[in-house]
PDB file of N, CA and C in Angstrom:
ATOM      1  N   MET A   1      25.998  52.537  -8.098  1.00  0.00           N
ATOM      2  CA  MET A   1      25.983  51.861  -9.027  1.00  0.00           C
ATOM      3  C   MET A   1      27.310  51.392  -9.634  1.00  0.00           C
ATOM      4  N   GLY A   2      27.469  50.415 -10.151  1.00  0.00           N
ATOM      5  CA  GLY A   2      28.981  49.956 -10.419  1.00  0.00           C
ATOM      6  C   GLY A   2      29.084  49.413 -11.506  1.00  0.00           C
ATOM      7  N   LYS A   3      30.224  49.383 -12.236  1.00  0.00           N
ATOM      8  CA  LYS A   3      30.399  48.940 -13.587  1.00  0.00           C
ATOM      9  C   LYS A   3      29.983  47.498 -14.195  1.00  0.00           C
ATOM     10  N   VAL A   4      29.290  47.225 -14.908  1.00  0.00           N
ATOM     11  CA  VAL A   4      28.859  46.182 -15.494  1.00  0.00           C
ATOM     12  C   VAL A   4      29.161  45.906 -16.900  1.00  0.00           C
ATOM     13  N   ILE A   5      30.104  44.648 -16.965  1.00  0.00           N
ATOM     14  CA  ILE A   5      30.501  44.287 -18.030  1.00  0.00           C
ATOM     15  C   ILE A   5      29.879  43.242 -18.914  1.00  0.00           C
ATOM     16  N   VAL A   6      29.026  43.278 -20.100  1.00  0.00           N
ATOM     17  CA  VAL A   6      28.193  42.194 -20.484  1.00  0.00           C
ATOM     18  C   VAL A   6      28.644  41.772 -21.750  1.00  0.00           C
ATOM     19  N   PHE A   7      29.117  40.347 -21.742  1.00  0.00           N
ATOM     20  CA  PHE A   7      29.379  39.672 -23.157  1.00  0.00           C
ATOM     21  C   PHE A   7      28.213  38.967 -23.624  1.00  0.00           C
ATOM     22  N   CYS A   8      28.017  39.628 -25.150  1.00  0.00           N
ATOM     23  CA  CYS A   8      26.620  39.122 -25.958  1.00  0.00           C
ATOM     24  C   CYS A   8      27.064  38.429 -26.939  1.00  0.00           C
ATOM     25  N   CYS A   9      26.878  37.546 -27.244  1.00  0.00           N
ATOM     26  CA  CYS A   9      26.782  36.858 -28.392  1.00  0.00           C
ATOM     27  C   CYS A   9      26.144  37.405 -29.575  1.00  0.00           C
ATOM     28  N   ASP A  10      26.377  37.161 -30.630  1.00  0.00           N
ATOM     29  CA  ASP A  10      25.977  37.949 -31.968  1.00  0.00           C
ATOM     30  C   ASP A  10      24.386  37.818 -31.599  1.00  0.00           C
ATOM     31  N   ALA A  11      23.260  36.839 -31.221  1.00  0.00           N
ATOM     32  CA  ALA A  11      22.107  37.024 -31.455  1.00  0.00           C
ATOM     33  C   ALA A  11      21.407  37.933 -30.216  1.00  0.00           C
ATOM     34  N   ALA A  12      22.183  37.825 -28.993  1.00  0.00           N
ATOM     35  CA  ALA A  12      21.648  38.693 -28.025  1.00  0.00           C
ATOM     36  C   ALA A  12      22.075  40.074 -28.316  1.00  0.00           C
ATOM     37  N   TYR A  13      23.397  40.208 -28.913  1.00  0.00           N
ATOM     38  CA  TYR A  13      23.776  41.569 -29.254  1.00  0.00           C
ATOM     39  C   TYR A  13      22.923  42.288 -30.374  1.00  0.00           C
ATOM     40  N   TYR A  14      22.240  41.534 -31.355  1.00  0.00           N
ATOM     41  CA  TYR A  14      21.407  41.935 -32.437  1.00  0.00           C
ATOM     42  C   TYR A  14      20.198  42.208 -31.566  1.00  0.00           C
ATOM     43  N   GLY A  15      19.662  41.717 -30.922  1.00  0.00           N
ATOM     44  CA  GLY A  15      18.320  41.964 -29.982  1.00  0.00           C
ATOM     45  C   GLY A  15      18.565  43.298 -29.243  1.00  0.00           C
ATOM     46  N   LEU A  16      19.579  43.154 -28.546  1.00  0.00           N
ATOM     47  CA  LEU A  16      19.887  44.493 -27.693  1.00  0.00           C
ATOM     48  C   LEU A  16      19.994  45.943 -28.716  1.00  0.00           C
ATOM     49  N   ASN A  17      20.687  45.765 -29.712  1.00  0.00           N
ATOM     50  CA  ASN A  17      20.545  46.484 -30.760  1.00  0.00           C
ATOM     51  C   ASN A  17      19.504  47.236 -31.352  1.00  0.00           C
ATOM     52  N   MET A  18      18.743  46.132 -31.541  1.00  0.00           N
ATOM     53  CA  MET A  18      17.195  46.304 -31.886  1.00  0.00           C
ATOM     54  C   MET A  18      16.314  47.212 -31.047  1.00  0.00           C
ATOM     55  N   VAL A  19      16.469  47.068 -29.789  1.00  0.00           N
ATOM     56  CA  VAL A  19      15.519  48.053 -28.779  1.00  0.00           C
ATOM     57  C   VAL A  19      16.542  49.101 -28.376  1.00  0.00           C
ATOM     58  N   SER A  20      17.721  49.367 -28.610  1.00  0.00           N
ATOM     59  CA  SER A  20      18.447  51.010 -28.226  1.00  0.00           C
ATOM     60  C   SER A  20      17.851  52.053 -28.530  1.00  0.00           C
ATOM     61  N   LYS A  21      16.884  52.353 -29.443  1.00  0.00           N
ATOM     62  CA  LYS A  21      16.239  53.406 -29.795  1.00  0.00           C
ATOM     63  C   LYS A  21      15.170  53.651 -28.547  1.00  0.00           C
ATOM     64  N   LEU A  22      14.694  52.516 -27.897  1.00  0.00           N
ATOM     65  CA  LEU A  22      13.492  52.335 -26.746  1.00  0.00           C
ATOM     66  C   LEU A  22      13.624  52.373 -25.677  1.00  0.00           C
ATOM     67  N   ILE A  23      15.014  51.814 -25.231  1.00  0.00           N
ATOM     68  CA  ILE A  23      15.725  51.992 -23.881  1.00  0.00           C
ATOM     69  C   ILE A  23      17.053  51.968 -24.012  1.00  0.00           C
ATOM     70  N   GLU A  24      17.402  53.036 -22.893  1.00  0.00           N
ATOM     71  CA  GLU A  24      18.904  53.465 -22.803  1.00  0.00           C
ATOM     72  C   GLU A  24      19.590  52.655 -21.804  1.00  0.00           C
ATOM     73  N   LEU A  25      20.579  52.422 -21.991  1.00  0.00           N
ATOM     74  CA  LEU A  25      21.421  51.689 -20.968  1.00  0.00           C
ATOM     75  C   LEU A  25      22.430  53.000 -20.178  1.00  0.00           C
ATOM     76  N   PRO A  26      22.520  52.176 -18.961  1.00  0.00           N
ATOM     77  CA  PRO A  26      23.325  53.071 -17.826  1.00  0.00           C
ATOM     78  C   PRO A  26      25.031  53.526 -18.628  1.00  0.00           C
ATOM     79  N   GLU A  27      25.771  54.361 -18.502  1.00  0.00           N
ATOM     80  CA  GLU A  27      26.709  54.674 -18.905  1.00  0.00           C
ATOM     81  C   GLU A  27      27.832  53.895 -18.354  1.00  0.00           C
ATOM     82  N   ASP A  28      27.680  53.088 -17.117  1.00  0.00           N
ATOM     83  CA  ASP A  28      28.593  52.314 -17.138  1.00  0.00           C
ATOM     84  C   ASP A  28      28.548  50.862 -17.174  1.00  0.00           C
ATOM     85  N   VAL A  29      27.491  50.778 -18.088  1.00  0.00           N
ATOM     86  CA  VAL A  29      27.299  49.173 -18.740  1.00  0.00           C
ATOM     87  C   VAL A  29      28.274  49.288 -20.418  1.00  0.00           C
ATOM     88  N   GLU A  30      29.055  48.359 -19.874  1.00  0.00           N
ATOM     89  CA  GLU A  30      29.966  48.204 -21.190  1.00  0.00           C
ATOM     90  C   GLU A  30      29.540  46.680 -21.877  1.00  0.00           C
ATOM     91  N   VAL A  31      28.966  47.118 -23.393  1.00  0.00           N
ATOM     92  CA  VAL A  31      28.821  45.563 -23.881  1.00  0.00           C
ATOM     93  C   VAL A  31      29.951  45.239 -24.940  1.00  0.00           C
ATOM     94  N   VAL A  32      30.291  43.964 -24.882  1.00  0.00           N
ATOM     95  CA  VAL A  32      31.037  43.370 -25.531  1.00  0.00           C
ATOM     96  C   VAL A  32      30.742  42.228 -26.382  1.00  0.00           C
ATOM     97  N   ARG A  33      30.658  42.559 -27.753  1.00  0.00           N
ATOM     98  CA  ARG A  33      30.016  41.614 -28.494  1.00  0.00           C
ATOM     99  C   ARG A  33      31.316  40.359 -28.730  1.00  0.00           C
ATOM    100  N   VAL A  34      30.484  39.206 -28.942  1.00  0.00           N
ATOM    101  CA  VAL A  34      31.298  37.988 -29.364  1.00  0.00           C
ATOM    102  C   VAL A  34      30.604  37.277 -29.941  1.00  0.00           C
ATOM    103  N   PRO A  35      31.233  36.238 -30.995  1.00  0.00           N
ATOM    104  CA  PRO A  35      30.518  35.824 -31.972  1.00  0.00           C
ATOM    105  C   PRO A  35      29.730  34.573 -31.142  1.00  0.00           C
ATOM    106  N   CYS A  36      30.131  34.093 -29.937  1.00  0.00           N
ATOM    107  CA  CYS A  36      29.386  33.110 -29.611  1.00  0.00           C
ATOM    108  C   CYS A  36      29.947  33.265 -27.945  1.00  0.00           C
ATOM    109  N   LEU A  37      29.040  33.018 -26.779  1.00  0.00           N
ATOM    110  CA  LEU A  37      29.677  32.922 -25.670  1.00  0.00           C
ATOM    111  C   LEU A  37      30.548  32.046 -25.353  1.00  0.00           C
ATOM    112  N   GLY A  38      30.665  30.720 -26.032  1.00  0.00           N
ATOM    113  CA  GLY A  38      31.545  29.640 -25.912  1.00  0.00           C
ATOM    114  C   GLY A  38      32.976  30.200 -25.972  1.00  0.00           C
ATOM    115  N   ARG A  39      32.874  31.190 -26.506  1.00  0.00           N
ATOM    116  CA  ARG A  39      34.367  31.854 -27.055  1.00  0.00           C
ATOM    117  C   ARG A  39      34.916  32.840 -25.956  1.00  0.00           C
ATOM    118  N   VAL A  40      33.865  33.074 -24.984  1.00  0.00           N
ATOM    119  CA  VAL A  40      34.414  34.218 -23.956  1.00  0.00           C
ATOM    120  C   VAL A  40      35.488  33.539 -22.959  1.00  0.00           C
ATOM    121  N   GLU A  41      36.697  33.722 -23.006  1.00  0.00           N
ATOM    122  CA  GLU A  41      37.729  33.304 -22.091  1.00  0.00           C
ATOM    123  C   GLU A  41      37.543  33.495 -20.389  1.00  0.00           C
ATOM    124  N   PHE A  42      37.777  32.260 -19.776  1.00  0.00           N
ATOM    125  CA  PHE A  42      37.510  32.216 -18.298  1.00  0.00           C
ATOM    126  C   PHE A  42      38.099  33.424 -17.914  1.00  0.00           C
ATOM    127  N   GLU A  43      39.341  33.901 -18.064  1.00  0.00           N
ATOM    128  CA  GLU A  43      40.379  34.936 -17.767  1.00  0.00           C
ATOM    129  C   GLU A  43      39.744  36.111 -17.901  1.00  0.00           C
ATOM    130  N   ALA A  44      38.964  36.407 -19.277  1.00  0.00           N
ATOM    131  CA  ALA A  44      38.791  37.480 -19.367  1.00  0.00           C
ATOM    132  C   ALA A  44      37.468  38.138 -18.550  1.00  0.00           C
ATOM    133  N   VAL A  45      36.730  37.109 -18.153  1.00  0.00           N
ATOM    134  CA  VAL A  45      35.561  37.366 -16.851  1.00  0.00           C
ATOM    135  C   VAL A  45      36.314  37.672 -15.846  1.00  0.00           C
ATOM    136  N   VAL A  46      37.320  36.569 -15.070  1.00  0.00           N
ATOM    137  CA  VAL A  46      38.032  37.177 -14.080  1.00  0.00           C
ATOM    138  C   VAL A  46      38.653  38.379 -14.090  1.00  0.00           C
ATOM    139  N   ARG A  47      39.252  38.586 -15.206  1.00  0.00           N
ATOM    140  CA  ARG A  47      39.685  39.942 -15.065  1.00  0.00           C
ATOM    141  C   ARG A  47      38.789  41.305 -14.825  1.00  0.00           C
ATOM    142  N   ALA A  48      37.665  41.145 -15.393  1.00  0.00           N
ATOM    143  CA  ALA A  48      36.575  42.005 -15.188  1.00  0.00           C
ATOM    144  C   ALA A  48      36.179  41.914 -13.835  1.00  0.00           C
ATOM    145  N   LEU A  49      36.178  40.974 -13.023  1.00  0.00           N
ATOM    146  CA  LEU A  49      35.442  40.764 -11.675  1.00  0.00           C
ATOM    147  C   LEU A  49      36.610  41.370 -10.896  1.00  0.00           C
ATOM    148  N   LEU A  50      38.226  41.224 -11.231  1.00  0.00           N
ATOM    149  CA  LEU A  50      39.059  42.014 -10.373  1.00  0.00           C
ATOM    150  C   LEU A  50      39.461  43.441 -10.759  1.00  0.00           C
ATOM    151  N   ASP A  51      38.844  43.844 -11.863  1.00  0.00           N
ATOM    152  CA  ASP A  51      38.528  45.418 -11.996  1.00  0.00           C
ATOM    153  C   ASP A  51      37.186  45.923 -11.577  1.00  0.00           C
ATOM    154  N   SER A  52      36.781  45.220 -10.549  1.00  0.00           N
ATOM    155  CA  SER A  52      35.626  45.589  -9.600  1.00  0.00           C
ATOM    156  C   SER A  52      34.288  46.031 -10.690  1.00  0.00           C
ATOM    157  N   ALA A  53      33.937  45.095 -11.630  1.00  0.00           N
ATOM    158  CA  ALA A  53      33.062  45.208 -12.498  1.00  0.00           C
ATOM    159  C   ALA A  53      32.071  43.687 -12.251  1.00  0.00           C
ATOM    160  N   ASN A  54      30.783  44.200 -12.078  1.00  0.00           N
ATOM    161  CA  ASN A  54      30.007  43.041 -12.331  1.00  0.00           C
ATOM    162  C   ASN A  54      29.843  42.416 -13.739  1.00  0.00           C
ATOM    163  N   VAL A  55      29.512  41.020 -13.986  1.00  0.00           N
ATOM    164  CA  VAL A  55      29.645  40.418 -15.493  1.00  0.00           C
ATOM    165  C   VAL A  55      28.297  39.967 -15.769  1.00  0.00           C
ATOM    166  N   VAL A  56      27.872  40.154 -17.054  1.00  0.00           N
ATOM    167  CA  VAL A  56      26.764  39.114 -17.265  1.00  0.00           C
ATOM    168  C   VAL A  56      26.846  38.528 -18.790  1.00  0.00           C
ATOM    169  N   LEU A  57      26.775  37.326 -19.055  1.00  0.00           N
ATOM    170  CA  LEU A  57      27.241  36.860 -20.156  1.00  0.00           C
ATOM    171  C   LEU A  57      25.692  36.527 -20.799  1.00  0.00           C
ATOM    172  N   ALA A  58      25.475  37.116 -21.943  1.00  0.00           N
ATOM    173  CA  ALA A  58      23.900  36.858 -22.487  1.00  0.00           C
ATOM    174  C   ALA A  58      23.942  36.219 -23.906  1.00  0.00           C
ATOM    175  N   GLY A  59      23.480  35.420 -23.686  1.00  0.00           N
ATOM    176  CA  GLY A  59      23.582  34.628 -25.236  1.00  0.00           C
ATOM    177  C   GLY A  59      22.347  33.834 -25.486  1.00  0.00           C
ATOM    178  N   CYS A  60      22.660  33.150 -26.715  1.00  0.00           N
ATOM    179  CA  CYS A  60      21.326  32.165 -27.091  1.00  0.00           C
ATOM    180  C   CYS A  60      20.774  31.244 -25.932  1.00  0.00           C
ATOM    181  N   HIS A  61      19.431  30.834 -26.214  1.00  0.00           N
ATOM    182  CA  HIS A  61      19.105  29.687 -25.360  1.00  0.00           C
ATOM    183  C   HIS A  61      19.639  28.241 -25.577  1.00  0.00           C
ATOM    184  N   GLU A  62      19.978  27.531 -24.397  1.00  0.00           N
ATOM    185  CA  GLU A  62      21.120  26.089 -24.633  1.00  0.00           C
ATOM    186  C   GLU A  62      20.761  25.448 -25.961  1.00  0.00           C
ATOM    187  N   ASN A  63      19.415  24.935 -26.107  1.00  0.00           N
ATOM    188  CA  ASN A  63      19.037  24.404 -27.349  1.00  0.00           C
ATOM    189  C   ASN A  63      19.054  25.277 -28.475  1.00  0.00           C
ATOM    190  N   ASN A  64      19.190  26.445 -28.628  1.00  0.00           N
ATOM    191  CA  ASN A  64      19.318  27.404 -29.855  1.00  0.00           C
ATOM    192  C   ASN A  64      20.392  27.689 -30.134  1.00  0.00           C
ATOM    193  N   CYS A  65      21.682  27.441 -29.724  1.00  0.00           N
ATOM    194  CA  CYS A  65      22.936  27.861 -30.097  1.00  0.00           C
ATOM    195  C   CYS A  65      23.420  27.338 -31.492  1.00  0.00           C
ATOM    196  N   LYS A  66      23.761  28.594 -32.418  1.00  0.00           N
ATOM    197  CA  LYS A  66      24.165  28.283 -33.768  1.00  0.00           C
ATOM    198  C   LYS A  66      25.908  27.321 -33.678  1.00  0.00           C
ATOM    199  N   ASN A  67      25.994  27.523 -32.631  1.00  0.00           N
ATOM    200  CA  ASN A  67      27.564  26.769 -32.458  1.00  0.00           C
ATOM    201  C   ASN A  67      27.574  25.425 -31.406  1.00  0.00           C
ATOM    202  N   ILE A  68      26.320  25.199 -31.149  1.00  0.00           N
ATOM    203  CA  ILE A  68      25.940  24.075 -30.649  1.00  0.00           C
ATOM    204  C   ILE A  68      26.253  23.819 -29.135  1.00  0.00           C
ATOM    205  N   ASP A  69      27.374  24.238 -28.508  1.00  0.00           N
ATOM    206  CA  ASP A  69      27.831  23.797 -27.042  1.00  0.00           C
ATOM    207  C   ASP A  69      27.957  25.633 -26.230  1.00  0.00           C
ATOM    208  N   GLY A  70      28.056  26.534 -27.303  1.00  0.00           N
ATOM    209  CA  GLY A  70      28.542  27.804 -26.973  1.00  0.00           C
ATOM    210  C   GLY A  70      27.491  28.224 -25.350  1.00  0.00           C
ATOM    211  N   SER A  71      26.349  28.125 -25.455  1.00  0.00           N
ATOM    212  CA  SER A  71      25.572  28.717 -24.288  1.00  0.00           C
ATOM    213  C   SER A  71      25.831  27.639 -23.068  1.00  0.00           C
ATOM    214  N   ARG A  72      25.915  26.494 -23.416  1.00  0.00           N
ATOM    215  CA  ARG A  72      26.364  25.488 -22.472  1.00  0.00           C
ATOM    216  C   ARG A  72      27.440  25.678 -21.770  1.00  0.00           C
ATOM    217  N   LEU A  73      28.532  26.059 -22.375  1.00  0.00           N
ATOM    218  CA  LEU A  73      29.837  26.219 -21.924  1.00  0.00           C
ATOM    219  C   LEU A  73      30.131  27.242 -20.756  1.00  0.00           C
ATOM    220  N   ALA A  74      29.070  28.541 -21.618  1.00  0.00           N
ATOM    221  CA  ALA A  74      29.036  29.630 -20.749  1.00  0.00           C
ATOM    222  C   ALA A  74      28.437  29.500 -19.645  1.00  0.00           C
ATOM    223  N   LYS A  75      27.378  28.712 -19.457  1.00  0.00           N
ATOM    224  CA  LYS A  75      26.581  28.581 -18.441  1.00  0.00           C
ATOM    225  C   LYS A  75      27.252  27.535 -17.118  1.00  0.00           C
ATOM    226  N   MET A  76      28.201  26.962 -17.977  1.00  0.00           N
ATOM    227  CA  MET A  76      28.953  25.964 -16.794  1.00  0.00           C
ATOM    228  C   MET A  76      30.105  26.676 -16.062  1.00  0.00           C
ATOM    229  N   ARG A  77      30.883  27.591 -17.055  1.00  0.00           N
ATOM    230  CA  ARG A  77      31.842  28.520 -16.830  1.00  0.00           C
ATOM    231  C   ARG A  77      31.208  29.752 -15.398  1.00  0.00           C
ATOM    232  N   VAL A  78      30.028  30.255 -15.832  1.00  0.00           N
ATOM    233  CA  VAL A  78      29.671  30.893 -14.827  1.00  0.00           C
ATOM    234  C   VAL A  78      29.142  30.228 -13.610  1.00  0.00           C
ATOM    235  N   GLU A  79      28.729  29.264 -13.570  1.00  0.00           N
ATOM    236  CA  GLU A  79      28.371  28.313 -12.540  1.00  0.00           C
ATOM    237  C   GLU A  79      29.837  28.201 -11.711  1.00  0.00           C
ATOM    238  N   LEU A  80      30.777  27.781 -12.606  1.00  0.00           N
ATOM    239  CA  LEU A  80      32.287  27.762 -11.517  1.00  0.00           C
ATOM    240  C   LEU A  80      32.510  28.849 -10.980  1.00  0.00           C
ATOM    241  N   LEU A  81      32.561  29.884 -11.827  1.00  0.00           N
ATOM    242  CA  LEU A  81      32.934  31.186 -11.487  1.00  0.00           C
ATOM    243  C   LEU A  81      32.112  31.579  -9.996  1.00  0.00           C
ATOM    244  N   ARG A  82      30.586  31.616 -10.234  1.00  0.00           N
ATOM    245  CA  ARG A  82      29.847  31.492  -8.814  1.00  0.00           C
ATOM    246  C   ARG A  82      30.453  30.921  -7.664  1.00  0.00           C
ATOM    247  N   ARG A  83      30.352  29.714  -7.823  1.00  0.00           N
ATOM    248  CA  ARG A  83      31.205  28.815  -6.686  1.00  0.00           C
ATOM    249  C   ARG A  83      32.705  29.260  -6.254  1.00  0.00           C
ATOM    250  N   MET A  84      33.156  29.555  -7.029  1.00  0.00           N
ATOM    251  CA  MET A  84      34.389  30.439  -6.757  1.00  0.00           C
ATOM    252  C   MET A  84      34.680  31.568  -5.750  1.00  0.00           C
ATOM    253  N   LEU A  85      33.716  32.164  -6.195  1.00  0.00           N
ATOM    254  CA  LEU A  85      33.401  33.533  -5.575  1.00  0.00           C
ATOM    255  C   LEU A  85      32.857  33.563  -4.353  1.00  0.00           C
ATOM    256  N   GLU A  86      31.853  32.493  -4.160  1.00  0.00           N
ATOM    257  CA  GLU A  86      31.405  32.248  -2.746  1.00  0.00           C
ATOM    258  C   GLU A  86      32.442  31.557  -1.899  1.00  0.00           C
ATOM    259  N   PHE A  87      33.221  30.588  -2.519  1.00  0.00           N
ATOM    260  CA  PHE A  87      34.600  30.109  -1.623  1.00  0.00           C
ATOM    261  C   PHE A  87      35.274  30.928  -0.995  1.00  0.00           C
ATOM    262  N   VAL A  88      35.719  32.124  -2.053  1.00  0.00           N
ATOM    263  CA  VAL A  88      36.197  33.460  -1.646  1.00  0.00           C
ATOM    264  C   VAL A  88      35.740  34.501  -0.434  1.00  0.00           C
ATOM    265  N   GLY A  89      34.230  34.202  -0.112  1.00  0.00           N
ATOM    266  CA  GLY A  89      33.924  35.258   0.652  1.00  0.00           C
ATOM    267  C   GLY A  89      33.020  36.421  -0.329  1.00  0.00           C
ATOM    268  N   MET A  90      33.261  36.267  -1.753  1.00  0.00           N
ATOM    269  CA  MET A  90      32.848  37.545  -2.377  1.00  0.00           C
ATOM    270  C   MET A  90      31.071  37.085  -2.964  1.00  0.00           C
ATOM    271  N   ASP A  91      30.441  38.139  -3.294  1.00  0.00           N
ATOM    272  CA  ASP A  91      29.125  37.878  -3.704  1.00  0.00           C
ATOM    273  C   ASP A  91      28.922  37.410  -5.040  1.00  0.00           C
ATOM    274  N   ALA A  92      28.516  35.944  -5.014  1.00  0.00           N
ATOM    275  CA  ALA A  92      28.115  35.175  -6.047  1.00  0.00           C
ATOM    276  C   ALA A  92      27.095  35.802  -7.561  1.00  0.00           C
ATOM    277  N   ASP A  93      26.379  36.936  -6.870  1.00  0.00           N
ATOM    278  CA  ASP A  93      25.819  37.470  -7.564  1.00  0.00           C
ATOM    279  C   ASP A  93      26.300  38.470  -8.714  1.00  0.00           C
ATOM    280  N   ARG A  94      27.303  38.339  -8.536  1.00  0.00           N
ATOM    281  CA  ARG A  94      28.345  39.336  -9.537  1.00  0.00           C
ATOM    282  C   ARG A  94      28.513  39.047 -10.539  1.00  0.00           C
ATOM    283  N   VAL A  95      28.095  37.820 -10.833  1.00  0.00           N
ATOM    284  CA  VAL A  95      28.428  36.928 -12.184  1.00  0.00           C
ATOM    285  C   VAL A  95      26.889  36.663 -12.625  1.00  0.00           C
ATOM    286  N   LYS A  96      26.270  36.991 -13.741  1.00  0.00           N
ATOM    287  CA  LYS A  96      25.133  36.352 -14.432  1.00  0.00           C
ATOM    288  C   LYS A  96      25.297  35.735 -15.580  1.00  0.00           C
ATOM    289  N   HIS A  97      24.497  34.602 -15.816  1.00  0.00           N
ATOM    290  CA  HIS A  97      24.235  34.138 -17.347  1.00  0.00           C
ATOM    291  C   HIS A  97      22.638  34.191 -17.658  1.00  0.00           C
ATOM    292  N   LEU A  98      22.656  34.865 -18.823  1.00  0.00           N
ATOM    293  CA  LEU A  98      21.508  34.840 -19.344  1.00  0.00           C
ATOM    294  C   LEU A  98      21.022  34.265 -20.668  1.00  0.00           C
ATOM    295  N   GLU A  99      19.741  33.488 -20.869  1.00  0.00           N
ATOM    296  CA  GLU A  99      19.558  32.968 -22.116  1.00  0.00           C
ATOM    297  C   GLU A  99      18.801  33.908 -22.717  1.00  0.00           C
ATOM    298  N   ILE A 100      19.220  34.496 -23.530  1.00  0.00           N
ATOM    299  CA  ILE A 100      18.213  35.470 -24.774  1.00  0.00           C
ATOM    300  C   ILE A 100      18.330  35.154 -26.110  1.00  0.00           C
ATOM    301  N   SER A 101      17.007  35.451 -26.701  1.00  0.00           N
ATOM    302  CA  SER A 101      17.053  35.282 -28.068  1.00  0.00           C
ATOM    303  C   SER A 101      17.192  36.337 -28.697  1.00  0.00           C
ATOM    304  N   THR A 102      17.237  36.424 -30.001  1.00  0.00           N
ATOM    305  CA  THR A 102      17.333  38.078 -30.610  1.00  0.00           C
ATOM    306  C   THR A 102      16.257  38.652 -30.753  1.00  0.00           C
ATOM    307  N   TYR A 103      15.106  37.989 -30.308  1.00  0.00           N
ATOM    308  CA  TYR A 103      13.813  38.536 -29.895  1.00  0.00           C
ATOM    309  C   TYR A 103      13.361  38.925 -28.468  1.00  0.00           C
ATOM    310  N   GLU A 104      14.429  39.033 -27.656  1.00  0.00           N
ATOM    311  CA  GLU A 104      14.090  39.400 -26.379  1.00  0.00           C
ATOM    312  C   GLU A 104      15.220  40.206 -25.944  1.00  0.00           C
ATOM    313  N   GLY A 105      15.452  41.595 -27.093  1.00  0.00           N
ATOM    314  CA  GLY A 105      16.269  42.439 -26.569  1.00  0.00           C
ATOM    315  C   GLY A 105      15.949  43.419 -25.334  1.00  0.00           C
ATOM    316  N   LEU A 106      14.485  43.580 -25.294  1.00  0.00           N
ATOM    317  CA  LEU A 106      14.001  44.469 -24.497  1.00  0.00           C
ATOM    318  C   LEU A 106      14.051  43.919 -23.074  1.00  0.00           C
ATOM    319  N   LYS A 107      14.191  42.675 -22.813  1.00  0.00           N
ATOM    320  CA  LYS A 107      14.254  41.879 -21.659  1.00  0.00           C
ATOM    321  C   LYS A 107      15.510  41.896 -21.201  1.00  0.00           C
ATOM    322  N   LEU A 108      16.480  42.068 -21.845  1.00  0.00           N
ATOM    323  CA  LEU A 108      17.893  42.049 -21.529  1.00  0.00           C
ATOM    324  C   LEU A 108      18.557  43.175 -21.545  1.00  0.00           C
ATOM    325  N   ALA A 109      17.782  44.234 -21.877  1.00  0.00           N
ATOM    326  CA  ALA A 109      17.993  45.849 -21.607  1.00  0.00           C
ATOM    327  C   ALA A 109      17.155  46.220 -20.404  1.00  0.00           C
ATOM    328  N   GLU A 110      16.054  45.847 -19.988  1.00  0.00           N
ATOM    329  CA  GLU A 110      15.679  45.799 -18.574  1.00  0.00           C
ATOM    330  C   GLU A 110      16.524  45.284 -17.511  1.00  0.00           C
ATOM    331  N   PHE A 111      16.860  44.041 -17.913  1.00  0.00           N
ATOM    332  CA  PHE A 111      17.429  43.284 -16.755  1.00  0.00           C
ATOM    333  C   PHE A 111      18.884  44.007 -16.618  1.00  0.00           C
ATOM    334  N   LEU A 112      19.615  44.600 -17.562  1.00  0.00           N
ATOM    335  CA  LEU A 112      20.854  45.422 -17.444  1.00  0.00           C
ATOM    336  C   LEU A 112      20.531  46.590 -16.564  1.00  0.00           C
ATOM    337  N   ASN A 113      19.519  47.408 -16.794  1.00  0.00           N
ATOM    338  CA  ASN A 113      19.194  48.519 -16.181  1.00  0.00           C
ATOM    339  C   ASN A 113      19.051  48.278 -14.607  1.00  0.00           C
ATOM    340  N   GLU A 114      18.474  46.989 -14.335  1.00  0.00           N
ATOM    341  CA  GLU A 114      18.241  46.685 -12.844  1.00  0.00           C
ATOM    342  C   GLU A 114      19.528  46.164 -12.305  1.00  0.00           C
ATOM    343  N   PHE A 115      20.214  45.249 -12.962  1.00  0.00           N
ATOM    344  CA  PHE A 115      21.589  44.712 -12.362  1.00  0.00           C
ATOM    345  C   PHE A 115      22.300  45.854 -12.251  1.00  0.00           C
ATOM    346  N   ALA A 116      22.473  47.111 -13.186  1.00  0.00           N
ATOM    347  CA  ALA A 116      23.301  48.151 -13.082  1.00  0.00           C
ATOM    348  C   ALA A 116      23.185  49.130 -11.629  1.00  0.00           C
ATOM    349  N   ALA A 117      22.008  49.116 -11.324  1.00  0.00           N
ATOM    350  CA  ALA A 117      21.446  49.921 -10.362  1.00  0.00           C
ATOM    351  C   ALA A 117      21.502  49.259  -8.735  1.00  0.00           C
ATOM    352  N   ARG A 118      21.653  47.968  -8.701  1.00  0.00           N
ATOM    353  CA  ARG A 118      21.946  47.349  -7.462  1.00  0.00           C
ATOM    354  C   ARG A 118      23.309  47.608  -6.899  1.00  0.00           C
TER     355      ARG A 118
END
C-alpha cells in the first residue's frame, strides 16, 4: 500500500467529511483541502509524485464548479501529468481526477480505499 495525497475542493471535502463516520480511510491517505482544484499548483502534484505518493484531485463536476473553470483546469493538468508520466516510462495511473459532488462522499471514500490498496 502506497501513500496517497488527495487534493479535495471544498465541495468534495465536505462530502468526504459527511461520510467519515461511516467509512474509514487508510492511514496512508492524506487529504489536503483546497478552496478549488483550479488553485492546486502543478508543482505541488509533481512534488507529491516525486515523494513516491499517488495523487488524486477530487472536485466538482465540470459544469458545477462555483469558480467556473476550476474542475476543467484540474482535469487538463491531470491529463498533462499523465502524458508526462507515460513519456518518462512511469505509471500514468498514479494520478487521477475525480468529479465528485458534495453528495458523493461515499463514492470518493470507496475510491480512495481501493486506490490506496493497489
